[in-house]
Amino acid sequence: MSENNQLRDVFDAIADPTRRRLIRLLAEAEEIPLHELTVQFQMGRTAVSKHLTILKDAGLVLDRKVGRETRFRLNASPLREIQDWVGFYSKFWSTNLLRLNQLLEEEEE
């Protein structure tokens, strides 16, 4: 895991489509209260809250209390781990696609 002392693996946290959607919603807003997030899903407040806890354990979500309300915001820095991992393999695909392109050009000649 990264230097953030995360309790959960970032890859595990984003594996679920609901959590990826939560990340997207949080990325589009500065901060969102739990009740506003809940109305975006066909599940109860408790289920949404559990998904947010998983994201929070991975360091992807930060929360703060404002009165009786909990507001959430995205902390995108742990996503760099995923970007780095995908970046490594994009080099692999770029190299292989270049080779394929060269082979196809040679066949045309």
PDB file of N, CA and C in Angstrom:
ATOM      1  N   MET A   1       0.831  -1.183   0.000  1.00  0.00           N
ATOM      2  CA  MET A   1       0.000   0.000   0.000  1.00  0.00           C
ATOM      3  C   MET A   1       0.873   1.242   0.000  1.00  0.00           C
ATOM      4  N   SER A   2       0.273   2.382  -0.158  1.00  0.00           N
ATOM      5  CA  SER A   2       1.022   3.615  -0.268  1.00  0.00           C
ATOM      6  C   SER A   2       1.322   4.217   1.091  1.00  0.00           C
ATOM      7  N   GLU A   3       1.955   5.388   1.043  1.00  0.00           N
ATOM      8  CA  GLU A   3       2.365   6.074   2.259  1.00  0.00           C
ATOM      9  C   GLU A   3       1.198   6.612   3.068  1.00  0.00           C
ATOM     10  N   ASN A   4      -0.007   6.558   2.565  1.00  0.00           N
ATOM     11  CA  ASN A   4      -1.178   7.091   3.271  1.00  0.00           C
ATOM     12  C   ASN A   4      -1.640   6.214   4.423  1.00  0.00           C
ATOM     13  N   ASN A   5      -0.976   5.079   4.652  1.00  0.00           N
ATOM     14  CA  ASN A   5      -1.371   4.158   5.715  1.00  0.00           C
ATOM     15  C   ASN A   5      -2.814   3.694   5.527  1.00  0.00           C
ATOM     16  N   GLN A   6      -3.149   3.339   4.338  1.00  0.00           N
ATOM     17  CA  GLN A   6      -4.513   2.956   4.011  1.00  0.00           C
ATOM     18  C   GLN A   6      -4.851   1.600   4.629  1.00  0.00           C
ATOM     19  N   LEU A   7      -6.099   1.458   5.038  1.00  0.00           N
ATOM     20  CA  LEU A   7      -6.570   0.213   5.612  1.00  0.00           C
ATOM     21  C   LEU A   7      -7.021  -0.769   4.537  1.00  0.00           C
ATOM     22  N   ARG A   8      -7.313  -0.264   3.341  1.00  0.00           N
ATOM     23  CA  ARG A   8      -7.855  -1.091   2.263  1.00  0.00           C
ATOM     24  C   ARG A   8      -7.117  -0.762   0.972  1.00  0.00           C
ATOM     25  N   ASP A   9      -6.953  -1.773   0.148  1.00  0.00           N
ATOM     26  CA  ASP A   9      -6.303  -1.615  -1.142  1.00  0.00           C
ATOM     27  C   ASP A   9      -7.157  -0.757  -2.071  1.00  0.00           C
ATOM     28  N   VAL A  10      -6.536   0.185  -2.769  1.00  0.00           N
ATOM     29  CA  VAL A  10      -7.254   1.082  -3.676  1.00  0.00           C
ATOM     30  C   VAL A  10      -7.912   0.292  -4.804  1.00  0.00           C
ATOM     31  N   PHE A  11      -7.236  -0.729  -5.314  1.00  0.00           N
ATOM     32  CA  PHE A  11      -7.802  -1.540  -6.390  1.00  0.00           C
ATOM     33  C   PHE A  11      -9.073  -2.254  -5.913  1.00  0.00           C
ATOM     34  N   ASP A  12      -9.040  -2.754  -4.705  1.00  0.00           N
ATOM     35  CA  ASP A  12     -10.220  -3.396  -4.126  1.00  0.00           C
ATOM     36  C   ASP A  12     -11.357  -2.389  -3.974  1.00  0.00           C
ATOM     37  N   ALA A  13     -11.011  -1.192  -3.551  1.00  0.00           N
ATOM     38  CA  ALA A  13     -12.031  -0.171  -3.323  1.00  0.00           C
ATOM     39  C   ALA A  13     -12.742   0.237  -4.608  1.00  0.00           C
ATOM     40  N   ILE A  14     -12.034   0.302  -5.725  1.00  0.00           N
ATOM     41  CA  ILE A  14     -12.674   0.735  -6.973  1.00  0.00           C
ATOM     42  C   ILE A  14     -13.233  -0.424  -7.789  1.00  0.00           C
ATOM     43  N   ALA A  15     -13.104  -1.645  -7.282  1.00  0.00           N
ATOM     44  CA  ALA A  15     -13.566  -2.822  -8.027  1.00  0.00           C
ATOM     45  C   ALA A  15     -15.085  -2.851  -8.200  1.00  0.00           C
ATOM     46  N   ASP A  16     -15.795  -2.224  -7.302  1.00  0.00           N
ATOM     47  CA  ASP A  16     -17.259  -2.255  -7.332  1.00  0.00           C
ATOM     48  C   ASP A  16     -17.814  -1.089  -8.147  1.00  0.00           C
ATOM     49  N   PRO A  17     -18.768  -1.351  -9.059  1.00  0.00           N
ATOM     50  CA  PRO A  17     -19.334  -0.268  -9.878  1.00  0.00           C
ATOM     51  C   PRO A  17     -20.020   0.828  -9.067  1.00  0.00           C
ATOM     52  N   THR A  18     -20.622   0.479  -7.955  1.00  0.00           N
ATOM     53  CA  THR A  18     -21.267   1.497  -7.112  1.00  0.00           C
ATOM     54  C   THR A  18     -20.224   2.452  -6.562  1.00  0.00           C
ATOM     55  N   ARG A  19     -19.100   1.912  -6.131  1.00  0.00           N
ATOM     56  CA  ARG A  19     -18.051   2.769  -5.580  1.00  0.00           C
ATOM     57  C   ARG A  19     -17.410   3.629  -6.673  1.00  0.00           C
ATOM     58  N   ARG A  20     -17.277   3.077  -7.871  1.00  0.00           N
ATOM     59  CA  ARG A  20     -16.753   3.891  -8.973  1.00  0.00           C
ATOM     60  C   ARG A  20     -17.714   5.040  -9.284  1.00  0.00           C
ATOM     61  N   ARG A  21     -19.004   4.767  -9.207  1.00  0.00           N
ATOM     62  CA  ARG A  21     -19.996   5.828  -9.438  1.00  0.00           C
ATOM     63  C   ARG A  21     -19.934   6.884  -8.331  1.00  0.00           C
ATOM     64  N   LEU A  22     -19.742   6.445  -7.097  1.00  0.00           N
ATOM     65  CA  LEU A  22     -19.587   7.394  -5.992  1.00  0.00           C
ATOM     66  C   LEU A  22     -18.369   8.286  -6.219  1.00  0.00           C
ATOM     67  N   ILE A  23     -17.279   7.694  -6.662  1.00  0.00           N
ATOM     68  CA  ILE A  23     -16.073   8.477  -6.953  1.00  0.00           C
ATOM     69  C   ILE A  23     -16.377   9.508  -8.019  1.00  0.00           C
ATOM     70  N   ARG A  24     -17.094   9.096  -9.061  1.00  0.00           N
ATOM     71  CA  ARG A  24     -17.447  10.024 -10.149  1.00  0.00           C
ATOM     72  C   ARG A  24     -18.287  11.178  -9.616  1.00  0.00           C
ATOM     73  N   LEU A  25     -19.300  10.867  -8.810  1.00  0.00           N
ATOM     74  CA  LEU A  25     -20.157  11.910  -8.249  1.00  0.00           C
ATOM     75  C   LEU A  25     -19.353  12.876  -7.383  1.00  0.00           C
ATOM     76  N   LEU A  26     -18.469  12.327  -6.578  1.00  0.00           N
ATOM     77  CA  LEU A  26     -17.654  13.172  -5.708  1.00  0.00           C
ATOM     78  C   LEU A  26     -16.655  14.003  -6.506  1.00  0.00           C
ATOM     79  N   ALA A  27     -16.183  13.471  -7.618  1.00  0.00           N
ATOM     80  CA  ALA A  27     -15.242  14.214  -8.462  1.00  0.00           C
ATOM     81  C   ALA A  27     -15.913  15.404  -9.131  1.00  0.00           C
ATOM     82  N   GLU A  28     -17.208  15.306  -9.337  1.00  0.00           N
ATOM     83  CA  GLU A  28     -17.958  16.367 -10.014  1.00  0.00           C
ATOM     84  C   GLU A  28     -18.427  17.465  -9.071  1.00  0.00           C
ATOM     85  N   ALA A  29     -18.221  17.283  -7.777  1.00  0.00           N
ATOM     86  CA  ALA A  29     -18.674  18.279  -6.798  1.00  0.00           C
ATOM     87  C   ALA A  29     -17.569  18.490  -5.769  1.00  0.00           C
ATOM     88  N   GLU A  30     -17.616  19.629  -5.132  1.00  0.00           N
ATOM     89  CA  GLU A  30     -16.621  19.915  -4.103  1.00  0.00           C
ATOM     90  C   GLU A  30     -16.861  19.060  -2.859  1.00  0.00           C
ATOM     91  N   GLU A  31     -18.116  18.951  -2.482  1.00  0.00           N
ATOM     92  CA  GLU A  31     -18.487  18.207  -1.272  1.00  0.00           C
ATOM     93  C   GLU A  31     -19.970  17.857  -1.375  1.00  0.00           C
ATOM     94  N   ILE A  32     -20.323  16.643  -0.954  1.00  0.00           N
ATOM     95  CA  ILE A  32     -21.716  16.211  -1.067  1.00  0.00           C
ATOM     96  C   ILE A  32     -22.157  15.570   0.247  1.00  0.00           C
ATOM     97  N   PRO A  33     -23.329  15.978   0.765  1.00  0.00           N
ATOM     98  CA  PRO A  33     -23.873  15.330   1.959  1.00  0.00           C
ATOM     99  C   PRO A  33     -24.354  13.913   1.641  1.00  0.00           C
ATOM    100  N   LEU A  34     -24.356  13.060   2.641  1.00  0.00           N
ATOM    101  CA  LEU A  34     -24.761  11.669   2.479  1.00  0.00           C
ATOM    102  C   LEU A  34     -26.165  11.557   1.881  1.00  0.00           C
ATOM    103  N   HIS A  35     -27.106  12.374   2.332  1.00  0.00           N
ATOM    104  CA  HIS A  35     -28.477  12.245   1.816  1.00  0.00           C
ATOM    105  C   HIS A  35     -28.548  12.555   0.318  1.00  0.00           C
ATOM    106  N   GLU A  36     -27.694  13.459  -0.168  1.00  0.00           N
ATOM    107  CA  GLU A  36     -27.688  13.760  -1.602  1.00  0.00           C
ATOM    108  C   GLU A  36     -27.061  12.618  -2.410  1.00  0.00           C
ATOM    109  N   LEU A  37     -26.086  11.966  -1.837  1.00  0.00           N
ATOM    110  CA  LEU A  37     -25.493  10.805  -2.510  1.00  0.00           C
ATOM    111  C   LEU A  37     -26.483   9.651  -2.558  1.00  0.00           C
ATOM    112  N   THR A  38     -27.200   9.445  -1.476  1.00  0.00           N
ATOM    113  CA  THR A  38     -28.124   8.315  -1.363  1.00  0.00           C
ATOM    114  C   THR A  38     -29.210   8.354  -2.439  1.00  0.00           C
ATOM    115  N   VAL A  39     -29.712   9.534  -2.760  1.00  0.00           N
ATOM    116  CA  VAL A  39     -30.791   9.615  -3.755  1.00  0.00           C
ATOM    117  C   VAL A  39     -30.317   9.245  -5.162  1.00  0.00           C
ATOM    118  N   GLN A  40     -29.016   9.153  -5.373  1.00  0.00           N
ATOM    119  CA  GLN A  40     -28.463   8.795  -6.677  1.00  0.00           C
ATOM    120  C   GLN A  40     -28.457   7.273  -6.915  1.00  0.00           C
ATOM    121  N   PHE A  41     -28.807   6.501  -5.897  1.00  0.00           N
ATOM    122  CA  PHE A  41     -28.731   5.044  -5.972  1.00  0.00           C
ATOM    123  C   PHE A  41     -30.046   4.405  -5.569  1.00  0.00           C
ATOM    124  N   GLN A  42     -30.255   3.198  -6.062  1.00  0.00           N
ATOM    125  CA  GLN A  42     -31.445   2.443  -5.670  1.00  0.00           C
ATOM    126  C   GLN A  42     -31.090   1.512  -4.517  1.00  0.00           C
ATOM    127  N   MET A  43     -30.611   2.110  -3.469  1.00  0.00           N
ATOM    128  CA  MET A  43     -30.276   1.373  -2.246  1.00  0.00           C
ATOM    129  C   MET A  43     -30.423   2.330  -1.082  1.00  0.00           C
ATOM    130  N   GLY A  44     -30.451   1.785   0.083  1.00  0.00           N
ATOM    131  CA  GLY A  44     -30.661   2.602   1.268  1.00  0.00           C
ATOM    132  C   GLY A  44     -29.419   3.362   1.702  1.00  0.00           C
ATOM    133  N   ARG A  45     -29.648   4.245   2.637  1.00  0.00           N
ATOM    134  CA  ARG A  45     -28.575   5.081   3.198  1.00  0.00           C
ATOM    135  C   ARG A  45     -27.467   4.230   3.818  1.00  0.00           C
ATOM    136  N   THR A  46     -27.835   3.157   4.481  1.00  0.00           N
ATOM    137  CA  THR A  46     -26.843   2.291   5.128  1.00  0.00           C
ATOM    138  C   THR A  46     -25.924   1.646   4.097  1.00  0.00           C
ATOM    139  N   ALA A  47     -26.490   1.187   2.990  1.00  0.00           N
ATOM    140  CA  ALA A  47     -25.679   0.557   1.942  1.00  0.00           C
ATOM    141  C   ALA A  47     -24.719   1.560   1.316  1.00  0.00           C
ATOM    142  N   VAL A  48     -25.196   2.757   1.028  1.00  0.00           N
ATOM    143  CA  VAL A  48     -24.334   3.800   0.462  1.00  0.00           C
ATOM    144  C   VAL A  48     -23.237   4.143   1.464  1.00  0.00           C
ATOM    145  N   SER A  49     -23.609   4.229   2.719  1.00  0.00           N
ATOM    146  CA  SER A  49     -22.649   4.534   3.773  1.00  0.00           C
ATOM    147  C   SER A  49     -21.554   3.465   3.860  1.00  0.00           C
ATOM    148  N   LYS A  50     -21.915   2.209   3.688  1.00  0.00           N
ATOM    149  CA  LYS A  50     -20.918   1.129   3.718  1.00  0.00           C
ATOM    150  C   LYS A  50     -19.942   1.261   2.556  1.00  0.00           C
ATOM    151  N   HIS A  51     -20.456   1.605   1.377  1.00  0.00           N
ATOM    152  CA  HIS A  51     -19.569   1.814   0.231  1.00  0.00           C
ATOM    153  C   HIS A  51     -18.626   2.990   0.492  1.00  0.00           C
ATOM    154  N   LEU A  52     -19.145   4.053   1.080  1.00  0.00           N
ATOM    155  CA  LEU A  52     -18.313   5.210   1.402  1.00  0.00           C
ATOM    156  C   LEU A  52     -17.241   4.860   2.431  1.00  0.00           C
ATOM    157  N   THR A  53     -17.567   3.991   3.360  1.00  0.00           N
ATOM    158  CA  THR A  53     -16.589   3.560   4.357  1.00  0.00           C
ATOM    159  C   THR A  53     -15.436   2.812   3.693  1.00  0.00           C
ATOM    160  N   ILE A  54     -15.751   1.971   2.732  1.00  0.00           N
ATOM    161  CA  ILE A  54     -14.706   1.240   2.000  1.00  0.00           C
ATOM    162  C   ILE A  54     -13.809   2.226   1.259  1.00  0.00           C
ATOM    163  N   LEU A  55     -14.419   3.217   0.610  1.00  0.00           N
ATOM    164  CA  LEU A  55     -13.634   4.237  -0.088  1.00  0.00           C
ATOM    165  C   LEU A  55     -12.809   5.063   0.898  1.00  0.00           C
ATOM    166  N   LYS A  56     -13.379   5.338   2.043  1.00  0.00           N
ATOM    167  CA  LYS A  56     -12.667   6.090   3.077  1.00  0.00           C
ATOM    168  C   LYS A  56     -11.476   5.281   3.606  1.00  0.00           C
ATOM    169  N   ASP A  57     -11.671   3.989   3.826  1.00  0.00           N
ATOM    170  CA  ASP A  57     -10.584   3.126   4.296  1.00  0.00           C
ATOM    171  C   ASP A  57      -9.427   3.053   3.304  1.00  0.00           C
ATOM    172  N   ALA A  58      -9.733   3.256   2.026  1.00  0.00           N
ATOM    173  CA  ALA A  58      -8.700   3.256   0.984  1.00  0.00           C
ATOM    174  C   ALA A  58      -8.086   4.640   0.805  1.00  0.00           C
ATOM    175  N   GLY A  59      -8.566   5.609   1.557  1.00  0.00           N
ATOM    176  CA  GLY A  59      -8.035   6.960   1.470  1.00  0.00           C
ATOM    177  C   GLY A  59      -8.615   7.779   0.331  1.00  0.00           C
ATOM    178  N   LEU A  60      -9.636   7.248  -0.343  1.00  0.00           N
ATOM    179  CA  LEU A  60     -10.215   7.922  -1.504  1.00  0.00           C
ATOM    180  C   LEU A  60     -11.276   8.956  -1.147  1.00  0.00           C
ATOM    181  N   VAL A  61     -11.831   8.859   0.043  1.00  0.00           N
ATOM    182  CA  VAL A  61     -12.909   9.751   0.466  1.00  0.00           C
ATOM    183  C   VAL A  61     -12.574  10.333   1.833  1.00  0.00           C
ATOM    184  N   LEU A  62     -12.841  11.613   1.955  1.00  0.00           N
ATOM    185  CA  LEU A  62     -12.708  12.305   3.239  1.00  0.00           C
ATOM    186  C   LEU A  62     -14.095  12.761   3.657  1.00  0.00           C
ATOM    187  N   ASP A  63     -14.334  12.792   4.954  1.00  0.00           N
ATOM    188  CA  ASP A  63     -15.642  13.244   5.426  1.00  0.00           C
ATOM    189  C   ASP A  63     -15.475  14.245   6.558  1.00  0.00           C
ATOM    190  N   ARG A  64     -16.533  15.002   6.763  1.00  0.00           N
ATOM    191  CA  ARG A  64     -16.565  15.933   7.885  1.00  0.00           C
ATOM    192  C   ARG A  64     -18.006  16.118   8.322  1.00  0.00           C
ATOM    193  N   LYS A  65     -18.157  16.328   9.608  1.00  0.00           N
ATOM    194  CA  LYS A  65     -19.479  16.560  10.177  1.00  0.00           C
ATOM    195  C   LYS A  65     -19.793  18.046  10.148  1.00  0.00           C
ATOM    196  N   VAL A  66     -21.007  18.344   9.709  1.00  0.00           N
ATOM    197  CA  VAL A  66     -21.532  19.709   9.751  1.00  0.00           C
ATOM    198  C   VAL A  66     -22.883  19.595  10.432  1.00  0.00           C
ATOM    199  N   GLY A  67     -22.907  19.878  11.718  1.00  0.00           N
ATOM    200  CA  GLY A  67     -24.125  19.650  12.500  1.00  0.00           C
ATOM    201  C   GLY A  67     -24.414  18.160  12.556  1.00  0.00           C
ATOM    202  N   ARG A  68     -25.622  17.774  12.171  1.00  0.00           N
ATOM    203  CA  ARG A  68     -26.001  16.353  12.149  1.00  0.00           C
ATOM    204  C   ARG A  68     -25.684  15.694  10.817  1.00  0.00           C
ATOM    205  N   GLU A  69     -25.175  16.458   9.869  1.00  0.00           N
ATOM    206  CA  GLU A  69     -24.947  15.986   8.514  1.00  0.00           C
ATOM    207  C   GLU A  69     -23.476  15.603   8.306  1.00  0.00           C
ATOM    208  N   THR A  70     -23.252  14.544   7.551  1.00  0.00           N
ATOM    209  CA  THR A  70     -21.899  14.178   7.161  1.00  0.00           C
ATOM    210  C   THR A  70     -21.729  14.503   5.683  1.00  0.00           C
ATOM    211  N   ARG A  71     -20.677  15.228   5.384  1.00  0.00           N
ATOM    212  CA  ARG A  71     -20.379  15.604   4.000  1.00  0.00           C
ATOM    213  C   ARG A  71     -19.123  14.877   3.543  1.00  0.00           C
ATOM    214  N   PHE A  72     -19.133  14.495   2.276  1.00  0.00           N
ATOM    215  CA  PHE A  72     -18.031  13.716   1.723  1.00  0.00           C
ATOM    216  C   PHE A  72     -17.393  14.448   0.557  1.00  0.00           C
ATOM    217  N   ARG A  73     -16.084  14.228   0.403  1.00  0.00           N
ATOM    218  CA  ARG A  73     -15.370  14.773  -0.750  1.00  0.00           C
ATOM    219  C   ARG A  73     -14.311  13.778  -1.191  1.00  0.00           C
ATOM    220  N   LEU A  74     -13.936  13.887  -2.422  1.00  0.00           N
ATOM    221  CA  LEU A  74     -12.963  12.975  -3.016  1.00  0.00           C
ATOM    222  C   LEU A  74     -11.548  13.390  -2.655  1.00  0.00           C
ATOM    223  N   ASN A  75     -10.724  12.410  -2.351  1.00  0.00           N
ATOM    224  CA  ASN A  75      -9.282  12.582  -2.235  1.00  0.00           C
ATOM    225  C   ASN A  75      -8.685  11.709  -3.335  1.00  0.00           C
ATOM    226  N   ALA A  76      -8.384  12.302  -4.464  1.00  0.00           N
ATOM    227  CA  ALA A  76      -7.982  11.540  -5.651  1.00  0.00           C
ATOM    228  C   ALA A  76      -6.538  11.057  -5.617  1.00  0.00           C
ATOM    229  N   SER A  77      -5.742  11.511  -4.686  1.00  0.00           N
ATOM    230  CA  SER A  77      -4.319  11.152  -4.704  1.00  0.00           C
ATOM    231  C   SER A  77      -4.048   9.642  -4.673  1.00  0.00           C
ATOM    232  N   PRO A  78      -4.820   8.811  -3.955  1.00  0.00           N
ATOM    233  CA  PRO A  78      -4.560   7.369  -4.012  1.00  0.00           C
ATOM    234  C   PRO A  78      -4.800   6.755  -5.397  1.00  0.00           C
ATOM    235  N   LEU A  79      -5.547   7.453  -6.252  1.00  0.00           N
ATOM    236  CA  LEU A  79      -5.778   6.945  -7.608  1.00  0.00           C
ATOM    237  C   LEU A  79      -4.492   6.949  -8.442  1.00  0.00           C
ATOM    238  N   ARG A  80      -3.484   7.685  -7.985  1.00  0.00           N
ATOM    239  CA  ARG A  80      -2.197   7.703  -8.688  1.00  0.00           C
ATOM    240  C   ARG A  80      -1.599   6.298  -8.762  1.00  0.00           C
ATOM    241  N   GLU A  81      -1.819   5.496  -7.727  1.00  0.00           N
ATOM    242  CA  GLU A  81      -1.336   4.108  -7.724  1.00  0.00           C
ATOM    243  C   GLU A  81      -1.919   3.337  -8.913  1.00  0.00           C
ATOM    244  N   ILE A  82      -3.182   3.558  -9.186  1.00  0.00           N
ATOM    245  CA  ILE A  82      -3.836   2.893 -10.320  1.00  0.00           C
ATOM    246  C   ILE A  82      -3.315   3.463 -11.632  1.00  0.00           C
ATOM    247  N   GLN A  83      -3.165   4.776 -11.677  1.00  0.00           N
ATOM    248  CA  GLN A  83      -2.643   5.419 -12.882  1.00  0.00           C
ATOM    249  C   GLN A  83      -1.241   4.886 -13.206  1.00  0.00           C
ATOM    250  N   ASP A  84      -0.406   4.743 -12.194  1.00  0.00           N
ATOM    251  CA  ASP A  84       0.949   4.222 -12.409  1.00  0.00           C
ATOM    252  C   ASP A  84       0.914   2.791 -12.917  1.00  0.00           C
ATOM    253  N   TRP A  85       0.029   1.984 -12.358  1.00  0.00           N
ATOM    254  CA  TRP A  85      -0.078   0.581 -12.762  1.00  0.00           C
ATOM    255  C   TRP A  85      -0.553   0.477 -14.210  1.00  0.00           C
ATOM    256  N   VAL A  86      -1.586   1.234 -14.545  1.00  0.00           N
ATOM    257  CA  VAL A  86      -2.110   1.225 -15.916  1.00  0.00           C
ATOM    258  C   VAL A  86      -1.071   1.804 -16.875  1.00  0.00           C
ATOM    259  N   GLY A  87      -0.351   2.833 -16.434  1.00  0.00           N
ATOM    260  CA  GLY A  87       0.680   3.442 -17.259  1.00  0.00           C
ATOM    261  C   GLY A  87       1.761   2.455 -17.660  1.00  0.00           C
ATOM    262  N   PHE A  88       2.141   1.599 -16.738  1.00  0.00           N
ATOM    263  CA  PHE A  88       3.139   0.573 -17.037  1.00  0.00           C
ATOM    264  C   PHE A  88       2.657  -0.327 -18.181  1.00  0.00           C
ATOM    265  N   TYR A  89       1.417  -0.739 -18.122  1.00  0.00           N
ATOM    266  CA  TYR A  89       0.882  -1.635 -19.147  1.00  0.00           C
ATOM    267  C   TYR A  89       0.531  -0.902 -20.440  1.00  0.00           C
ATOM    268  N   SER A  90       0.278   0.385 -20.374  1.00  0.00           N
ATOM    269  CA  SER A  90       0.026   1.116 -21.613  1.00  0.00           C
ATOM    270  C   SER A  90       1.287   1.148 -22.472  1.00  0.00           C
ATOM    271  N   LYS A  91       2.465   1.175 -21.833  1.00  0.00           N
ATOM    272  CA  LYS A  91       3.724   1.078 -22.577  1.00  0.00           C
ATOM    273  C   LYS A  91       3.792  -0.267 -23.298  1.00  0.00           C
ATOM    274  N   PHE A  92       3.379  -1.313 -22.601  1.00  0.00           N
ATOM    275  CA  PHE A  92       3.367  -2.654 -23.185  1.00  0.00           C
ATOM    276  C   PHE A  92       2.481  -2.690 -24.424  1.00  0.00           C
ATOM    277  N   TRP A  93       1.260  -2.135 -24.304  1.00  0.00           N
ATOM    278  CA  TRP A  93       0.333  -2.150 -25.436  1.00  0.00           C
ATOM    279  C   TRP A  93       0.814  -1.261 -26.564  1.00  0.00           C
ATOM    280  N   SER A  94       1.374  -0.122 -26.251  1.00  0.00           N
ATOM    281  CA  SER A  94       1.891   0.761 -27.299  1.00  0.00           C
ATOM    282  C   SER A  94       2.971   0.069 -28.105  1.00  0.00           C
ATOM    283  N   THR A  95       3.878  -0.622 -27.424  1.00  0.00           N
ATOM    284  CA  THR A  95       4.947  -1.342 -28.096  1.00  0.00           C
ATOM    285  C   THR A  95       4.386  -2.446 -28.974  1.00  0.00           C
ATOM    286  N   ASN A  96       3.449  -3.205 -28.449  1.00  0.00           N
ATOM    287  CA  ASN A  96       2.871  -4.309 -29.219  1.00  0.00           C
ATOM    288  C   ASN A  96       2.028  -3.822 -30.394  1.00  0.00           C
ATOM    289  N   LEU A  97       1.305  -2.745 -30.215  1.00  0.00           N
ATOM    290  CA  LEU A  97       0.522  -2.201 -31.320  1.00  0.00           C
ATOM    291  C   LEU A  97       1.427  -1.647 -32.408  1.00  0.00           C
ATOM    292  N   LEU A  98       2.551  -1.057 -32.006  1.00  0.00           N
ATOM    293  CA  LEU A  98       3.518  -0.576 -32.983  1.00  0.00           C
ATOM    294  C   LEU A  98       4.086  -1.736 -33.793  1.00  0.00           C
ATOM    295  N   ARG A  99       4.410  -2.840 -33.119  1.00  0.00           N
ATOM    296  CA  ARG A  99       4.903  -4.039 -33.808  1.00  0.00           C
ATOM    297  C   ARG A  99       3.849  -4.593 -34.770  1.00  0.00           C
ATOM    298  N   LEU A 100       2.606  -4.640 -34.320  1.00  0.00           N
ATOM    299  CA  LEU A 100       1.527  -5.132 -35.168  1.00  0.00           C
ATOM    300  C   LEU A 100       1.383  -4.236 -36.405  1.00  0.00           C
ATOM    301  N   ASN A 101       1.429  -2.939 -36.195  1.00  0.00           N
ATOM    302  CA  ASN A 101       1.326  -2.007 -37.310  1.00  0.00           C
ATOM    303  C   ASN A 101       2.471  -2.227 -38.317  1.00  0.00           C
ATOM    304  N   GLN A 102       3.672  -2.453 -37.802  1.00  0.00           N
ATOM    305  CA  GLN A 102       4.811  -2.705 -38.682  1.00  0.00           C
ATOM    306  C   GLN A 102       4.620  -3.995 -39.484  1.00  0.00           C
ATOM    307  N   LEU A 103       4.117  -5.036 -38.822  1.00  0.00           N
ATOM    308  CA  LEU A 103       3.870  -6.291 -39.511  1.00  0.00           C
ATOM    309  C   LEU A 103       2.820  -6.126 -40.607  1.00  0.00           C
ATOM    310  N   LEU A 104       1.767  -5.392 -40.301  1.00  0.00           N
ATOM    311  CA  LEU A 104       0.715  -5.168 -41.300  1.00  0.00           C
ATOM    312  C   LEU A 104       1.232  -4.360 -42.481  1.00  0.00           C
ATOM    313  N   GLU A 105       2.068  -3.398 -42.216  1.00  0.00           N
ATOM    314  CA  GLU A 105       2.660  -2.610 -43.308  1.00  0.00           C
ATOM    315  C   GLU A 105       3.576  -3.477 -44.171  1.00  0.00           C
ATOM    316  N   GLU A 106       4.332  -4.373 -43.546  1.00  0.00           N
ATOM    317  CA  GLU A 106       5.215  -5.259 -44.281  1.00  0.00           C
ATOM    318  C   GLU A 106       4.420  -6.213 -45.161  1.00  0.00           C
ATOM    319  N   GLU A 107       3.287  -6.685 -44.671  1.00  0.00           N
ATOM    320  CA  GLU A 107       2.435  -7.582 -45.447  1.00  0.00           C
ATOM    321  C   GLU A 107       1.839  -6.879 -46.658  1.00  0.00           C
ATOM    322  N   GLU A 108       1.532  -5.591 -46.511  1.00  0.00           N
ATOM    323  CA  GLU A 108       0.960  -4.828 -47.620  1.00  0.00           C
ATOM    324  C   GLU A 108       1.964  -4.638 -48.754  1.00  0.00           C
ATOM    325  N   GLU A 109       3.254  -4.596 -48.408  1.00  0.00           N
ATOM    326  CA  GLU A 109       4.288  -4.379 -49.421  1.00  0.00           C
ATOM    327  C   GLU A 109       4.517  -5.597 -50.204  1.00  0.00           C
TER     328      GLU A 109
END
